[in-house]
């Protein structure tokens, strides 16, 4: 009888260690996924900021060039502004395919990458 009680206690201790190990594993997994998502977010924002700066400088240069070519800098900026507005509308129409879907897929890849490795 005493031997069976010790076996049950040993089994309970093993169960507690297993549960604690699983909890620790889930914490580490959550921390890893959070770090990946944060790094993905920061890299996307930094890349977007660099591209934004690039396009602003290109737009100013193009506006100055068109303005000098037409003899009116104001008209050059107006033409570039209209082209930029049309490009913004086009991007807005394509936002699901070009922006939302790739970001969603990247986040899902980060979140479910570990589970796919175990299968």
PDB file of N, CA and C in Angstrom:
ATOM      1  N   UNK A   1       0.821  -1.198   0.000  1.00  0.00           N
ATOM      2  CA  UNK A   1       0.000   0.000   0.000  1.00  0.00           C
ATOM      3  C   UNK A   1       0.866   1.264   0.000  1.00  0.00           C
ATOM      4  N   UNK A   2       1.908   1.284   0.823  1.00  0.00           N
ATOM      5  CA  UNK A   2       2.815   2.427   0.905  1.00  0.00           C
ATOM      6  C   UNK A   2       3.558   2.631  -0.417  1.00  0.00           C
ATOM      7  N   UNK A   3       3.877   1.531  -1.065  1.00  0.00           N
ATOM      8  CA  UNK A   3       4.568   1.594  -2.353  1.00  0.00           C
ATOM      9  C   UNK A   3       3.672   2.229  -3.421  1.00  0.00           C
ATOM     10  N   UNK A   4       2.387   1.916  -3.397  1.00  0.00           N
ATOM     11  CA  UNK A   4       1.447   2.492  -4.360  1.00  0.00           C
ATOM     12  C   UNK A   4       1.270   3.987  -4.133  1.00  0.00           C
ATOM     13  N   UNK A   5       1.266   4.422  -2.880  1.00  0.00           N
ATOM     14  CA  UNK A   5       1.149   5.845  -2.555  1.00  0.00           C
ATOM     15  C   UNK A   5       2.364   6.597  -3.073  1.00  0.00           C
ATOM     16  N   UNK A   6       3.553   6.025  -2.922  1.00  0.00           N
ATOM     17  CA  UNK A   6       4.777   6.653  -3.428  1.00  0.00           C
ATOM     18  C   UNK A   6       4.755   6.762  -4.957  1.00  0.00           C
ATOM     19  N   UNK A   7       4.229   5.718  -5.610  1.00  0.00           N
ATOM     20  CA  UNK A   7       4.124   5.759  -7.070  1.00  0.00           C
ATOM     21  C   UNK A   7       3.170   6.863  -7.511  1.00  0.00           C
ATOM     22  N   UNK A   8       2.045   6.988  -6.773  1.00  0.00           N
ATOM     23  CA  UNK A   8       1.067   8.028  -7.112  1.00  0.00           C
ATOM     24  C   UNK A   8       1.672   9.404  -6.882  1.00  0.00           C
ATOM     25  N   UNK A   9       2.396   9.595  -5.772  1.00  0.00           N
ATOM     26  CA  UNK A   9       3.063  10.866  -5.492  1.00  0.00           C
ATOM     27  C   UNK A   9       4.106  11.174  -6.554  1.00  0.00           C
ATOM     28  N   UNK A  10       4.850  10.160  -6.947  1.00  0.00           N
ATOM     29  CA  UNK A  10       5.857  10.338  -7.998  1.00  0.00           C
ATOM     30  C   UNK A  10       5.188  10.737  -9.320  1.00  0.00           C
ATOM     31  N   UNK A  11       4.077  10.100  -9.621  1.00  0.00           N
ATOM     32  CA  UNK A  11       3.332  10.411 -10.838  1.00  0.00           C
ATOM     33  C   UNK A  11       2.794  11.842 -10.788  1.00  0.00           C
ATOM     34  N   UNK A  12       2.301  12.264  -9.631  1.00  0.00           N
ATOM     35  CA  UNK A  12       1.806  13.635  -9.472  1.00  0.00           C
ATOM     36  C   UNK A  12       2.944  14.631  -9.642  1.00  0.00           C
ATOM     37  N   UNK A  13       4.107  14.357  -9.058  1.00  0.00           N
ATOM     38  CA  UNK A  13       5.268  15.242  -9.211  1.00  0.00           C
ATOM     39  C   UNK A  13       5.705  15.341 -10.671  1.00  0.00           C
ATOM     40  N   UNK A  14       5.714  14.200 -11.356  1.00  0.00           N
ATOM     41  CA  UNK A  14       6.065  14.217 -12.787  1.00  0.00           C
ATOM     42  C   UNK A  14       5.056  15.043 -13.585  1.00  0.00           C
ATOM     43  N   UNK A  15       3.791  14.912 -13.254  1.00  0.00           N
ATOM     44  CA  UNK A  15       2.747  15.699 -13.924  1.00  0.00           C
ATOM     45  C   UNK A  15       2.933  17.184 -13.686  1.00  0.00           C
ATOM     46  N   UNK A  16       3.266  17.569 -12.453  1.00  0.00           N
ATOM     47  CA  UNK A  16       3.513  18.975 -12.138  1.00  0.00           C
ATOM     48  C   UNK A  16       4.705  19.508 -12.923  1.00  0.00           C
ATOM     49  N   UNK A  17       5.779  18.716 -12.986  1.00  0.00           N
ATOM     50  CA  UNK A  17       6.963  19.153 -13.751  1.00  0.00           C
ATOM     51  C   UNK A  17       6.634  19.285 -15.235  1.00  0.00           C
ATOM     52  N   UNK A  18       5.843  18.345 -15.741  1.00  0.00           N
ATOM     53  CA  UNK A  18       5.457  18.405 -17.151  1.00  0.00           C
ATOM     54  C   UNK A  18       4.647  19.666 -17.435  1.00  0.00           C
ATOM     55  N   UNK A  19       3.668  19.945 -16.574  1.00  0.00           N
ATOM     56  CA  UNK A  19       2.831  21.133 -16.766  1.00  0.00           C
ATOM     57  C   UNK A  19       3.683  22.395 -16.692  1.00  0.00           C
ATOM     58  N   UNK A  20       4.606  22.468 -15.729  1.00  0.00           N
ATOM     59  CA  UNK A  20       5.476  23.636 -15.600  1.00  0.00           C
ATOM     60  C   UNK A  20       6.383  23.786 -16.828  1.00  0.00           C
ATOM     61  N   UNK A  21       6.881  22.680 -17.324  1.00  0.00           N
ATOM     62  CA  UNK A  21       7.717  22.719 -18.526  1.00  0.00           C
ATOM     63  C   UNK A  21       6.916  23.215 -19.725  1.00  0.00           C
ATOM     64  N   UNK A  22       5.683  22.757 -19.864  1.00  0.00           N
ATOM     65  CA  UNK A  22       4.833  23.215 -20.973  1.00  0.00           C
ATOM     66  C   UNK A  22       4.524  24.708 -20.847  1.00  0.00           C
ATOM     67  N   UNK A  23       4.270  25.161 -19.613  1.00  0.00           N
ATOM     68  CA  UNK A  23       4.011  26.581 -19.398  1.00  0.00           C
ATOM     69  C   UNK A  23       5.236  27.403 -19.778  1.00  0.00           C
ATOM     70  N   UNK A  24       6.417  26.951 -19.351  1.00  0.00           N
ATOM     71  CA  UNK A  24       7.655  27.659 -19.703  1.00  0.00           C
ATOM     72  C   UNK A  24       7.879  27.667 -21.208  1.00  0.00           C
ATOM     73  N   UNK A  25       7.591  26.549 -21.861  1.00  0.00           N
ATOM     74  CA  UNK A  25       7.738  26.475 -23.317  1.00  0.00           C
ATOM     75  C   UNK A  25       6.787  27.442 -24.015  1.00  0.00           C
ATOM     76  N   UNK A  26       5.550  27.528 -23.526  1.00  0.00           N
ATOM     77  CA  UNK A  26       4.581  28.447 -24.131  1.00  0.00           C
ATOM     78  C   UNK A  26       4.998  29.899 -23.912  1.00  0.00           C
ATOM     79  N   UNK A  27       5.562  30.208 -22.746  1.00  0.00           N
ATOM     80  CA  UNK A  27       6.047  31.563 -22.497  1.00  0.00           C
ATOM     81  C   UNK A  27       7.178  31.914 -23.449  1.00  0.00           C
ATOM     82  N   UNK A  28       8.118  30.999 -23.606  1.00  0.00           N
ATOM     83  CA  UNK A  28       9.225  31.246 -24.527  1.00  0.00           C
ATOM     84  C   UNK A  28       8.747  31.384 -25.970  1.00  0.00           C
ATOM     85  N   UNK A  29       7.800  30.547 -26.351  1.00  0.00           N
ATOM     86  CA  UNK A  29       7.247  30.627 -27.704  1.00  0.00           C
ATOM     87  C   UNK A  29       6.540  31.959 -27.925  1.00  0.00           C
ATOM     88  N   UNK A  30       5.766  32.395 -26.924  1.00  0.00           N
ATOM     89  CA  UNK A  30       5.071  33.684 -27.042  1.00  0.00           C
ATOM     90  C   UNK A  30       6.068  34.833 -27.123  1.00  0.00           C
ATOM     91  N   UNK A  31       7.128  34.771 -26.324  1.00  0.00           N
ATOM     92  CA  UNK A  31       8.147  35.824 -26.362  1.00  0.00           C
ATOM     93  C   UNK A  31       8.854  35.842 -27.720  1.00  0.00           C
ATOM     94  N   UNK A  32       9.158  34.664 -28.255  1.00  0.00           N
ATOM     95  CA  UNK A  32       9.814  34.583 -29.561  1.00  0.00           C
ATOM     96  C   UNK A  32       8.917  35.138 -30.658  1.00  0.00           C
ATOM     97  N   UNK A  33       7.652  34.770 -30.640  1.00  0.00           N
ATOM     98  CA  UNK A  33       6.724  35.264 -31.658  1.00  0.00           C
ATOM     99  C   UNK A  33       6.515  36.766 -31.530  1.00  0.00           C
ATOM    100  N   UNK A  34       6.444  37.264 -30.303  1.00  0.00           N
ATOM    101  CA  UNK A  34       6.296  38.713 -30.100  1.00  0.00           C
ATOM    102  C   UNK A  34       7.513  39.455 -30.633  1.00  0.00           C
ATOM    103  N   UNK A  35       8.690  38.922 -30.372  1.00  0.00           N
ATOM    104  CA  UNK A  35       9.906  39.559 -30.866  1.00  0.00           C
ATOM    105  C   UNK A  35       9.949  39.548 -32.392  1.00  0.00           C
ATOM    106  N   UNK A  36       9.535  38.448 -32.999  1.00  0.00           N
ATOM    107  CA  UNK A  36       9.518  38.383 -34.466  1.00  0.00           C
ATOM    108  C   UNK A  36       8.529  39.380 -35.057  1.00  0.00           C
ATOM    109  N   UNK A  37       7.348  39.470 -34.452  1.00  0.00           N
ATOM    110  CA  UNK A  37       6.338  40.408 -34.950  1.00  0.00           C
ATOM    111  C   UNK A  37       6.826  41.840 -34.787  1.00  0.00           C
ATOM    112  N   UNK A  38       7.433  42.144 -33.643  1.00  0.00           N
ATOM    113  CA  UNK A  38       7.948  43.495 -33.426  1.00  0.00           C
ATOM    114  C   UNK A  38       9.056  43.825 -34.423  1.00  0.00           C
ATOM    115  N   UNK A  39       9.971  42.895 -34.649  1.00  0.00           N
ATOM    116  CA  UNK A  39      11.042  43.166 -35.605  1.00  0.00           C
ATOM    117  C   UNK A  39      10.499  43.310 -37.016  1.00  0.00           C
ATOM    118  N   UNK A  40       9.493  42.515 -37.371  1.00  0.00           N
ATOM    119  CA  UNK A  40       8.862  42.646 -38.689  1.00  0.00           C
ATOM    120  C   UNK A  40       8.188  44.008 -38.824  1.00  0.00           C
ATOM    121  N   UNK A  41       7.499  44.434 -37.777  1.00  0.00           N
ATOM    122  CA  UNK A  41       6.815  45.725 -37.796  1.00  0.00           C
ATOM    123  C   UNK A  41       7.811  46.868 -37.929  1.00  0.00           C
ATOM    124  N   UNK A  42       8.874  46.828 -37.142  1.00  0.00           N
ATOM    125  CA  UNK A  42       9.881  47.895 -37.201  1.00  0.00           C
ATOM    126  C   UNK A  42      10.541  47.930 -38.567  1.00  0.00           C
ATOM    127  N   UNK A  43      10.883  46.766 -39.105  1.00  0.00           N
ATOM    128  CA  UNK A  43      11.548  46.757 -40.416  1.00  0.00           C
ATOM    129  C   UNK A  43      10.610  47.255 -41.514  1.00  0.00           C
ATOM    130  N   UNK A  44       9.320  46.925 -41.431  1.00  0.00           N
ATOM    131  CA  UNK A  44       8.369  47.418 -42.430  1.00  0.00           C
ATOM    132  C   UNK A  44       8.242  48.936 -42.335  1.00  0.00           C
ATOM    133  N   UNK A  45       8.141  49.456 -41.104  1.00  0.00           N
ATOM    134  CA  UNK A  45       8.017  50.909 -40.947  1.00  0.00           C
ATOM    135  C   UNK A  45       9.278  51.639 -41.396  1.00  0.00           C
ATOM    136  N   UNK A  46      10.450  51.106 -41.078  1.00  0.00           N
ATOM    137  CA  UNK A  46      11.687  51.753 -41.517  1.00  0.00           C
ATOM    138  C   UNK A  46      11.813  51.734 -43.037  1.00  0.00           C
ATOM    139  N   UNK A  47      11.483  50.608 -43.641  1.00  0.00           N
ATOM    140  CA  UNK A  47      11.529  50.513 -45.097  1.00  0.00           C
ATOM    141  C   UNK A  47      10.530  51.473 -45.731  1.00  0.00           C
ATOM    142  N   UNK A  48       9.331  51.546 -45.166  1.00  0.00           N
ATOM    143  CA  UNK A  48       8.326  52.473 -45.685  1.00  0.00           C
ATOM    144  C   UNK A  48       8.785  53.921 -45.552  1.00  0.00           C
ATOM    145  N   UNK A  49       9.440  54.250 -44.440  1.00  0.00           N
ATOM    146  CA  UNK A  49       9.935  55.611 -44.244  1.00  0.00           C
ATOM    147  C   UNK A  49      11.010  55.960 -45.271  1.00  0.00           C
ATOM    148  N   UNK A  50      11.898  55.030 -45.551  1.00  0.00           N
ATOM    149  CA  UNK A  50      12.952  55.276 -46.545  1.00  0.00           C
ATOM    150  C   UNK A  50      12.338  55.445 -47.936  1.00  0.00           C
ATOM    151  N   UNK A  51      11.389  54.582 -48.290  1.00  0.00           N
ATOM    152  CA  UNK A  51      10.733  54.715 -49.587  1.00  0.00           C
ATOM    153  C   UNK A  51       9.955  56.025 -49.680  1.00  0.00           C
ATOM    154  N   UNK A  52       9.293  56.411 -48.597  1.00  0.00           N
ATOM    155  CA  UNK A  52       8.558  57.669 -48.576  1.00  0.00           C
ATOM    156  C   UNK A  52       9.505  58.841 -48.833  1.00  0.00           C
ATOM    157  N   UNK A  53      10.631  58.856 -48.134  1.00  0.00           N
ATOM    158  CA  UNK A  53      11.613  59.919 -48.331  1.00  0.00           C
ATOM    159  C   UNK A  53      12.128  59.915 -49.767  1.00  0.00           C
ATOM    160  N   UNK A  54      12.403  58.737 -50.299  1.00  0.00           N
ATOM    161  CA  UNK A  54      12.867  58.612 -51.679  1.00  0.00           C
ATOM    162  C   UNK A  54      11.850  59.199 -52.654  1.00  0.00           C
ATOM    163  N   UNK A  55      10.586  58.820 -52.493  1.00  0.00           N
ATOM    164  CA  UNK A  55       9.558  59.312 -53.415  1.00  0.00           C
ATOM    165  C   UNK A  55       9.309  60.805 -53.266  1.00  0.00           C
ATOM    166  N   UNK A  56       9.422  61.322 -52.066  1.00  0.00           N
ATOM    167  CA  UNK A  56       9.268  62.768 -51.877  1.00  0.00           C
ATOM    168  C   UNK A  56      10.380  63.515 -52.613  1.00  0.00           C
ATOM    169  N   UNK A  57      11.603  63.049 -52.437  1.00  0.00           N
ATOM    170  CA  UNK A  57      12.724  63.721 -53.103  1.00  0.00           C
ATOM    171  C   UNK A  57      12.628  63.593 -54.620  1.00  0.00           C
ATOM    172  N   UNK A  58      12.224  62.422 -55.099  1.00  0.00           N
ATOM    173  CA  UNK A  58      12.049  62.243 -56.546  1.00  0.00           C
ATOM    174  C   UNK A  58      10.930  63.146 -57.053  1.00  0.00           C
ATOM    175  N   UNK A  59       9.834  63.270 -56.291  1.00  0.00           N
ATOM    176  CA  UNK A  59       8.714  64.120 -56.705  1.00  0.00           C
ATOM    177  C   UNK A  59       9.136  65.579 -56.769  1.00  0.00           C
ATOM    178  N   UNK A  60       9.911  66.034 -55.799  1.00  0.00           N
ATOM    179  CA  UNK A  60      10.379  67.431 -55.806  1.00  0.00           C
ATOM    180  C   UNK A  60      11.299  67.661 -57.000  1.00  0.00           C
ATOM    181  N   UNK A  61      12.216  66.719 -57.215  1.00  0.00           N
ATOM    182  CA  UNK A  61      13.134  66.863 -58.355  1.00  0.00           C
ATOM    183  C   UNK A  61      12.367  66.859 -59.676  1.00  0.00           C
ATOM    184  N   UNK A  62      11.403  65.966 -59.800  1.00  0.00           N
ATOM    185  CA  UNK A  62      10.604  65.908 -61.021  1.00  0.00           C
ATOM    186  C   UNK A  62       9.785  67.179 -61.199  1.00  0.00           C
ATOM    187  N   UNK A  63       9.223  67.687 -60.111  1.00  0.00           N
ATOM    188  CA  UNK A  63       8.431  68.920 -60.190  1.00  0.00           C
ATOM    189  C   UNK A  63       9.307  70.090 -60.627  1.00  0.00           C
ATOM    190  N   UNK A  64      10.514  70.168 -60.069  1.00  0.00           N
ATOM    191  CA  UNK A  64      11.431  71.240 -60.479  1.00  0.00           C
ATOM    192  C   UNK A  64      11.818  71.102 -61.951  1.00  0.00           C
ATOM    193  N   UNK A  65      12.073  69.857 -62.373  1.00  0.00           N
ATOM    194  CA  UNK A  65      12.440  69.617 -63.768  1.00  0.00           C
ATOM    195  C   UNK A  65      11.295  69.994 -64.710  1.00  0.00           C
ATOM    196  N   UNK A  66      10.084  69.522 -64.399  1.00  0.00           N
ATOM    197  CA  UNK A  66       8.926  69.818 -65.252  1.00  0.00           C
ATOM    198  C   UNK A  66       8.639  71.316 -65.225  1.00  0.00           C
ATOM    199  N   UNK A  67       8.780  71.928 -64.041  1.00  0.00           N
ATOM    200  CA  UNK A  67       8.548  73.363 -63.923  1.00  0.00           C
ATOM    201  C   UNK A  67       9.526  74.167 -64.763  1.00  0.00           C
ATOM    202  N   UNK A  68      10.797  73.797 -64.734  1.00  0.00           N
ATOM    203  CA  UNK A  68      11.793  74.487 -65.566  1.00  0.00           C
ATOM    204  C   UNK A  68      11.517  74.244 -67.045  1.00  0.00           C
ATOM    205  N   UNK A  69      11.090  73.042 -67.378  1.00  0.00           N
ATOM    206  CA  UNK A  69      10.816  72.700 -68.765  1.00  0.00           C
ATOM    207  C   UNK A  69       9.626  73.490 -69.298  1.00  0.00           C
ATOM    208  N   UNK A  70       8.591  73.674 -68.447  1.00  0.00           N
ATOM    209  CA  UNK A  70       7.397  74.407 -68.874  1.00  0.00           C
ATOM    210  C   UNK A  70       7.511  75.910 -68.624  1.00  0.00           C
ATOM    211  N   UNK A  71       8.517  76.321 -67.877  1.00  0.00           N
ATOM    212  CA  UNK A  71       8.696  77.740 -67.599  1.00  0.00           C
ATOM    213  C   UNK A  71       7.915  78.219 -66.376  1.00  0.00           C
ATOM    214  N   UNK A  72       7.302  77.303 -65.619  1.00  0.00           N
ATOM    215  CA  UNK A  72       6.542  77.679 -64.430  1.00  0.00           C
ATOM    216  C   UNK A  72       6.690  76.574 -63.385  1.00  0.00           C
ATOM    217  N   UNK A  73       7.411  76.900 -62.305  1.00  0.00           N
ATOM    218  CA  UNK A  73       7.608  75.882 -61.269  1.00  0.00           C
ATOM    219  C   UNK A  73       6.287  75.482 -60.615  1.00  0.00           C
ATOM    220  N   UNK A  74       5.402  76.437 -60.460  1.00  0.00           N
ATOM    221  CA  UNK A  74       4.095  76.119 -59.879  1.00  0.00           C
ATOM    222  C   UNK A  74       3.346  75.077 -60.687  1.00  0.00           C
ATOM    223  N   UNK A  75       3.394  75.233 -62.006  1.00  0.00           N
ATOM    224  CA  UNK A  75       2.735  74.271 -62.892  1.00  0.00           C
ATOM    225  C   UNK A  75       3.420  72.905 -62.800  1.00  0.00           C
ATOM    226  N   UNK A  76       4.728  72.896 -62.666  1.00  0.00           N
ATOM    227  CA  UNK A  76       5.467  71.638 -62.507  1.00  0.00           C
ATOM    228  C   UNK A  76       5.038  70.901 -61.238  1.00  0.00           C
ATOM    229  N   UNK A  77       4.924  71.649 -60.130  1.00  0.00           N
ATOM    230  CA  UNK A  77       4.475  71.029 -58.884  1.00  0.00           C
ATOM    231  C   UNK A  77       3.028  70.566 -58.976  1.00  0.00           C
ATOM    232  N   UNK A  78       2.209  71.316 -59.664  1.00  0.00           N
ATOM    233  CA  UNK A  78       0.812  70.935 -59.839  1.00  0.00           C
ATOM    234  C   UNK A  78       0.693  69.630 -60.629  1.00  0.00           C
ATOM    235  N   UNK A  79       1.431  69.528 -61.700  1.00  0.00           N
ATOM    236  CA  UNK A  79       1.396  68.313 -62.526  1.00  0.00           C
ATOM    237  C   UNK A  79       1.870  67.109 -61.724  1.00  0.00           C
ATOM    238  N   UNK A  80       2.961  67.264 -60.982  1.00  0.00           N
ATOM    239  CA  UNK A  80       3.476  66.153 -60.164  1.00  0.00           C
ATOM    240  C   UNK A  80       2.488  65.812 -59.047  1.00  0.00           C
ATOM    241  N   UNK A  81       1.813  66.810 -58.490  1.00  0.00           N
ATOM    242  CA  UNK A  81       0.818  66.561 -57.446  1.00  0.00           C
ATOM    243  C   UNK A  81      -0.358  65.758 -57.992  1.00  0.00           C
ATOM    244  N   UNK A  82      -0.804  66.092 -59.192  1.00  0.00           N
ATOM    245  CA  UNK A  82      -1.916  65.356 -59.799  1.00  0.00           C
ATOM    246  C   UNK A  82      -1.495  63.914 -60.089  1.00  0.00           C
ATOM    247  N   UNK A  83      -0.286  63.738 -60.595  1.00  0.00           N
ATOM    248  CA  UNK A  83       0.222  62.379 -60.853  1.00  0.00           C
ATOM    249  C   UNK A  83       0.311  61.597 -59.539  1.00  0.00           C
ATOM    250  N   UNK A  84       0.771  62.254 -58.475  1.00  0.00           N
ATOM    251  CA  UNK A  84       0.858  61.596 -57.168  1.00  0.00           C
ATOM    252  C   UNK A  84      -0.523  61.227 -56.641  1.00  0.00           C
ATOM    253  N   UNK A  85      -1.493  62.099 -56.845  1.00  0.00           N
ATOM    254  CA  UNK A  85      -2.861  61.819 -56.408  1.00  0.00           C
ATOM    255  C   UNK A  85      -3.434  60.622 -57.155  1.00  0.00           C
ATOM    256  N   UNK A  86      -3.204  60.561 -58.454  1.00  0.00           N
ATOM    257  CA  UNK A  86      -3.673  59.409 -59.237  1.00  0.00           C
ATOM    258  C   UNK A  86      -2.986  58.122 -58.768  1.00  0.00           C
ATOM    259  N   UNK A  87      -1.694  58.204 -58.480  1.00  0.00           N
ATOM    260  CA  UNK A  87      -0.975  57.029 -57.963  1.00  0.00           C
ATOM    261  C   UNK A  87      -1.535  56.612 -56.606  1.00  0.00           C
ATOM    262  N   UNK A  88      -1.881  57.576 -55.749  1.00  0.00           N
ATOM    263  CA  UNK A  88      -2.458  57.262 -54.440  1.00  0.00           C
ATOM    264  C   UNK A  88      -3.810  56.566 -54.600  1.00  0.00           C
ATOM    265  N   UNK A  89      -4.639  57.025 -55.529  1.00  0.00           N
ATOM    266  CA  UNK A  89      -5.925  56.368 -55.785  1.00  0.00           C
ATOM    267  C   UNK A  89      -5.717  54.937 -56.268  1.00  0.00           C
ATOM    268  N   UNK A  90      -4.757  54.753 -57.141  1.00  0.00           N
ATOM    269  CA  UNK A  90      -4.464  53.426 -57.676  1.00  0.00           C
ATOM    270  C   UNK A  90      -3.996  52.493 -56.563  1.00  0.00           C
ATOM    271  N   UNK A  91      -3.110  52.972 -55.693  1.00  0.00           N
ATOM    272  CA  UNK A  91      -2.647  52.171 -54.556  1.00  0.00           C
ATOM    273  C   UNK A  91      -3.811  51.870 -53.620  1.00  0.00           C
ATOM    274  N   UNK A  92      -4.703  52.839 -53.413  1.00  0.00           N
ATOM    275  CA  UNK A  92      -5.857  52.629 -52.536  1.00  0.00           C
ATOM    276  C   UNK A  92      -6.758  51.524 -53.085  1.00  0.00           C
ATOM    277  N   UNK A  93      -6.941  51.513 -54.388  1.00  0.00           N
ATOM    278  CA  UNK A  93      -7.775  50.483 -55.006  1.00  0.00           C
ATOM    279  C   UNK A  93      -7.120  49.103 -54.867  1.00  0.00           C
ATOM    280  N   UNK A  94      -5.816  49.028 -54.973  1.00  0.00           N
ATOM    281  CA  UNK A  94      -5.073  47.762 -54.912  1.00  0.00           C
ATOM    282  C   UNK A  94      -4.576  47.424 -53.505  1.00  0.00           C
ATOM    283  N   UNK A  95      -5.028  48.148 -52.472  1.00  0.00           N
ATOM    284  CA  UNK A  95      -4.467  47.994 -51.125  1.00  0.00           C
ATOM    285  C   UNK A  95      -4.637  46.585 -50.552  1.00  0.00           C
ATOM    286  N   UNK A  96      -5.745  45.916 -50.867  1.00  0.00           N
ATOM    287  CA  UNK A  96      -5.953  44.563 -50.340  1.00  0.00           C
ATOM    288  C   UNK A  96      -4.885  43.615 -50.861  1.00  0.00           C
ATOM    289  N   UNK A  97      -4.635  43.700 -52.151  1.00  0.00           N
ATOM    290  CA  UNK A  97      -3.682  42.785 -52.771  1.00  0.00           C
ATOM    291  C   UNK A  97      -2.235  43.167 -52.479  1.00  0.00           C
ATOM    292  N   UNK A  98      -1.920  44.436 -52.440  1.00  0.00           N
ATOM    293  CA  UNK A  98      -0.534  44.881 -52.303  1.00  0.00           C
ATOM    294  C   UNK A  98      -0.095  45.110 -50.862  1.00  0.00           C
ATOM    295  N   UNK A  99      -1.043  45.434 -49.975  1.00  0.00           N
ATOM    296  CA  UNK A  99      -0.657  45.811 -48.615  1.00  0.00           C
ATOM    297  C   UNK A  99      -1.215  44.834 -47.586  1.00  0.00           C
ATOM    298  N   UNK A 100      -2.536  44.715 -47.513  1.00  0.00           N
ATOM    299  CA  UNK A 100      -3.143  43.914 -46.452  1.00  0.00           C
ATOM    300  C   UNK A 100      -2.784  42.438 -46.540  1.00  0.00           C
ATOM    301  N   UNK A 101      -2.929  41.853 -47.702  1.00  0.00           N
ATOM    302  CA  UNK A 101      -2.679  40.420 -47.845  1.00  0.00           C
ATOM    303  C   UNK A 101      -1.223  40.049 -47.557  1.00  0.00           C
ATOM    304  N   UNK A 102      -0.223  40.768 -48.084  1.00  0.00           N
ATOM    305  CA  UNK A 102       1.158  40.412 -47.742  1.00  0.00           C
ATOM    306  C   UNK A 102       1.476  40.575 -46.256  1.00  0.00           C
ATOM    307  N   UNK A 103       0.953  41.624 -45.633  1.00  0.00           N
ATOM    308  CA  UNK A 103       1.211  41.814 -44.206  1.00  0.00           C
ATOM    309  C   UNK A 103       0.541  40.714 -43.398  1.00  0.00           C
ATOM    310  N   UNK A 104      -0.709  40.400 -43.739  1.00  0.00           N
ATOM    311  CA  UNK A 104      -1.423  39.324 -43.040  1.00  0.00           C
ATOM    312  C   UNK A 104      -0.689  37.994 -43.203  1.00  0.00           C
ATOM    313  N   UNK A 105      -0.225  37.699 -44.408  1.00  0.00           N
ATOM    314  CA  UNK A 105       0.495  36.450 -44.643  1.00  0.00           C
ATOM    315  C   UNK A 105       1.806  36.400 -43.871  1.00  0.00           C
ATOM    316  N   UNK A 106       2.513  37.520 -43.800  1.00  0.00           N
ATOM    317  CA  UNK A 106       3.768  37.552 -43.048  1.00  0.00           C
ATOM    318  C   UNK A 106       3.519  37.324 -41.562  1.00  0.00           C
ATOM    319  N   UNK A 107       2.489  37.953 -41.024  1.00  0.00           N
ATOM    320  CA  UNK A 107       2.166  37.756 -39.607  1.00  0.00           C
ATOM    321  C   UNK A 107       1.735  36.321 -39.330  1.00  0.00           C
ATOM    322  N   UNK A 108       0.920  35.757 -40.193  1.00  0.00           N
ATOM    323  CA  UNK A 108       0.499  34.373 -39.999  1.00  0.00           C
ATOM    324  C   UNK A 108       1.678  33.414 -40.111  1.00  0.00           C
ATOM    325  N   UNK A 109       2.608  33.703 -41.015  1.00  0.00           N
ATOM    326  CA  UNK A 109       3.802  32.875 -41.147  1.00  0.00           C
ATOM    327  C   UNK A 109       4.604  32.901 -39.851  1.00  0.00           C
ATOM    328  N   UNK A 110       4.739  34.085 -39.253  1.00  0.00           N
ATOM    329  CA  UNK A 110       5.476  34.202 -37.994  1.00  0.00           C
ATOM    330  C   UNK A 110       4.743  33.477 -36.872  1.00  0.00           C
ATOM    331  N   UNK A 111       3.433  33.648 -36.805  1.00  0.00           N
ATOM    332  CA  UNK A 111       2.671  33.068 -35.702  1.00  0.00           C
ATOM    333  C   UNK A 111       2.571  31.545 -35.777  1.00  0.00           C
ATOM    334  N   UNK A 112       2.475  31.001 -36.979  1.00  0.00           N
ATOM    335  CA  UNK A 112       2.239  29.554 -37.110  1.00  0.00           C
ATOM    336  C   UNK A 112       3.428  28.795 -37.661  1.00  0.00           C
ATOM    337  N   UNK A 113       4.573  29.400 -37.722  1.00  0.00           N
ATOM    338  CA  UNK A 113       5.769  28.732 -38.253  1.00  0.00           C
ATOM    339  C   UNK A 113       6.176  27.576 -37.360  1.00  0.00           C
ATOM    340  N   UNK A 114       6.148  27.745 -36.057  1.00  0.00           N
ATOM    341  CA  UNK A 114       6.583  26.725 -35.111  1.00  0.00           C
ATOM    342  C   UNK A 114       5.689  25.492 -35.167  1.00  0.00           C
ATOM    343  N   UNK A 115       4.364  25.693 -35.276  1.00  0.00           N
ATOM    344  CA  UNK A 115       3.453  24.554 -35.314  1.00  0.00           C
ATOM    345  C   UNK A 115       3.659  23.710 -36.563  1.00  0.00           C
ATOM    346  N   UNK A 116       3.993  24.351 -37.675  1.00  0.00           N
ATOM    347  CA  UNK A 116       4.209  23.611 -38.917  1.00  0.00           C
ATOM    348  C   UNK A 116       5.482  22.774 -38.854  1.00  0.00           C
ATOM    349  N   UNK A 117       6.470  23.192 -38.082  1.00  0.00           N
ATOM    350  CA  UNK A 117       7.704  22.436 -37.963  1.00  0.00           C
ATOM    351  C   UNK A 117       7.466  21.104 -37.242  1.00  0.00           C
ATOM    352  N   UNK A 118       6.518  21.090 -36.301  1.00  0.00           N
ATOM    353  CA  UNK A 118       6.273  19.882 -35.515  1.00  0.00           C
ATOM    354  C   UNK A 118       5.440  18.847 -36.256  1.00  0.00           C
ATOM    355  N   UNK A 119       4.741  19.270 -37.280  1.00  0.00           N
ATOM    356  CA  UNK A 119       3.861  18.328 -37.994  1.00  0.00           C
ATOM    357  C   UNK A 119       4.598  17.526 -39.020  1.00  0.00           C
TER     358      UNK A 119
END
